[in-house]
Amino acid sequence: WPGSSMCIRPLPTAAQDQRLPPPSLIFHHESPDEVTLAAKKETFRTARIGFSGGMNDGQIMILHQDLLGLDIR
């Protein structure tokens, strides 16, 4: 995340990785709307997953071209 001391960089996949699910990073936050606004401010795209009418019943997936192959929710 920009401005952070942590750097996440997915490695190129090997042949055996083609049969595995993508690596996932799952974080908890009280406000999905806050996460969406912060992500969009940093040019990330977001996708809502599993929201079925409830306020906080799903997940926000963070998408960016530099993080292809990494599932961040």
C-alpha atoms as a PDB file:
ATOM      1  CA  TRP A   1       0.000   0.000   0.000  1.00  0.00           C
ATOM      2  CA  PRO A   2       1.461   3.421  -0.844  1.00  0.00           C
ATOM      3  CA  GLY A   3       2.970   5.209   2.139  1.00  0.00           C
ATOM      4  CA  SER A   4       3.423   1.921   4.004  1.00  0.00           C
ATOM      5  CA  SER A   5       6.616   0.138   4.998  1.00  0.00           C
ATOM      6  CA  MET A   6       5.193  -3.158   3.701  1.00  0.00           C
ATOM      7  CA  CYS A   7       5.728  -4.195   0.095  1.00  0.00           C
ATOM      8  CA  ILE A   8       3.757  -7.042  -1.489  1.00  0.00           C
ATOM      9  CA  ARG A   9       4.991  -8.373  -4.807  1.00  0.00           C
ATOM     10  CA  PRO A  10       3.554 -11.540  -6.383  1.00  0.00           C
ATOM     11  CA  LEU A  11       6.140 -13.838  -7.907  1.00  0.00           C
ATOM     12  CA  PRO A  12       5.804 -15.183 -11.455  1.00  0.00           C
ATOM     13  CA  THR A  13       3.921 -18.472 -11.475  1.00  0.00           C
ATOM     14  CA  ALA A  14       5.608 -21.795 -12.168  1.00  0.00           C
ATOM     15  CA  ALA A  15       3.969 -24.632 -14.105  1.00  0.00           C
ATOM     16  CA  GLN A  16       2.788 -26.387 -10.919  1.00  0.00           C
ATOM     17  CA  ASP A  17       1.151 -23.150  -9.734  1.00  0.00           C
ATOM     18  CA  GLN A  18      -1.362 -23.311 -12.586  1.00  0.00           C
ATOM     19  CA  ARG A  19      -3.350 -25.921 -10.628  1.00  0.00           C
ATOM     20  CA  LEU A  20      -3.406 -23.981  -7.359  1.00  0.00           C
ATOM     21  CA  PRO A  21      -5.842 -21.237  -6.329  1.00  0.00           C
ATOM     22  CA  PRO A  22      -4.351 -17.733  -6.260  1.00  0.00           C
ATOM     23  CA  PRO A  23      -2.776 -16.653  -2.961  1.00  0.00           C
ATOM     24  CA  SER A  24      -5.183 -14.682  -0.798  1.00  0.00           C
ATOM     25  CA  LEU A  25      -4.790 -11.922   1.770  1.00  0.00           C
ATOM     26  CA  ILE A  26      -7.913 -11.379   3.873  1.00  0.00           C
ATOM     27  CA  PHE A  27      -8.246  -8.328   6.161  1.00  0.00           C
ATOM     28  CA  HIS A  28     -11.080  -7.341   8.493  1.00  0.00           C
ATOM     29  CA  HIS A  29     -12.429  -3.802   8.584  1.00  0.00           C
ATOM     30  CA  GLU A  30     -15.595  -2.512  10.241  1.00  0.00           C
ATOM     31  CA  SER A  31     -16.604  -0.294   7.305  1.00  0.00           C
ATOM     32  CA  PRO A  32     -16.573  -1.702   3.740  1.00  0.00           C
ATOM     33  CA  ASP A  33     -17.452   1.760   2.398  1.00  0.00           C
ATOM     34  CA  GLU A  34     -14.346   3.232   4.036  1.00  0.00           C
ATOM     35  CA  VAL A  35     -12.172   0.548   2.412  1.00  0.00           C
ATOM     36  CA  THR A  36     -13.729   1.249  -0.990  1.00  0.00           C
ATOM     37  CA  LEU A  37     -13.096   4.993  -0.720  1.00  0.00           C
ATOM     38  CA  ALA A  38      -9.482   4.516   0.417  1.00  0.00           C
ATOM     39  CA  ALA A  39      -8.765   2.020  -2.368  1.00  0.00           C
ATOM     40  CA  LYS A  40     -10.229   4.248  -5.074  1.00  0.00           C
ATOM     41  CA  LYS A  41      -8.208   7.206  -3.770  1.00  0.00           C
ATOM     42  CA  GLU A  42      -5.056   5.137  -4.484  1.00  0.00           C
ATOM     43  CA  THR A  43      -6.252   4.134  -8.023  1.00  0.00           C
ATOM     44  CA  PHE A  44      -7.243   0.613  -7.021  1.00  0.00           C
ATOM     45  CA  ARG A  45     -10.504  -0.835  -8.305  1.00  0.00           C
ATOM     46  CA  THR A  46     -12.896  -2.651  -5.995  1.00  0.00           C
ATOM     47  CA  ALA A  47     -15.509  -5.364  -6.386  1.00  0.00           C
ATOM     48  CA  ARG A  48     -18.238  -6.217  -3.899  1.00  0.00           C
ATOM     49  CA  ILE A  49     -18.502  -9.968  -3.241  1.00  0.00           C
ATOM     50  CA  GLY A  50     -21.247 -11.720  -1.292  1.00  0.00           C
ATOM     51  CA  PHE A  51     -23.372  -8.663  -0.464  1.00  0.00           C
ATOM     52  CA  SER A  52     -26.959  -9.887  -0.497  1.00  0.00           C
ATOM     53  CA  GLY A  53     -28.820  -6.860   0.778  1.00  0.00           C
ATOM     54  CA  GLY A  54     -27.212  -6.711   4.219  1.00  0.00           C
ATOM     55  CA  MET A  55     -25.076  -3.776   5.255  1.00  0.00           C
ATOM     56  CA  ASN A  56     -21.818  -5.649   5.968  1.00  0.00           C
ATOM     57  CA  ASP A  57     -22.518  -9.202   4.820  1.00  0.00           C
ATOM     58  CA  GLY A  58     -19.825  -9.473   2.150  1.00  0.00           C
ATOM     59  CA  GLN A  59     -16.286  -8.691   1.157  1.00  0.00           C
ATOM     60  CA  ILE A  60     -14.553  -5.981  -0.843  1.00  0.00           C
ATOM     61  CA  MET A  61     -12.003  -7.317  -3.331  1.00  0.00           C
ATOM     62  CA  ILE A  62      -9.116  -4.950  -4.123  1.00  0.00           C
ATOM     63  CA  LEU A  63      -7.982  -5.028  -7.768  1.00  0.00           C
ATOM     64  CA  HIS A  64      -4.918  -3.477  -9.401  1.00  0.00           C
ATOM     65  CA  GLN A  65      -2.896  -4.336 -12.500  1.00  0.00           C
ATOM     66  CA  ASP A  66       0.285  -4.631 -10.393  1.00  0.00           C
ATOM     67  CA  LEU A  67      -1.348  -7.277  -8.167  1.00  0.00           C
ATOM     68  CA  LEU A  68      -2.557  -9.739 -10.794  1.00  0.00           C
ATOM     69  CA  GLY A  69      -2.647 -13.266  -9.367  1.00  0.00           C
ATOM     70  CA  LEU A  70      -3.132 -12.067  -5.799  1.00  0.00           C
ATOM     71  CA  ASP A  71      -6.568 -12.130  -4.164  1.00  0.00           C
ATOM     72  CA  ILE A  72      -6.894  -9.269  -1.643  1.00  0.00           C
ATOM     73  CA  ARG A  73     -10.137  -8.925   0.303  1.00  0.00           C
END
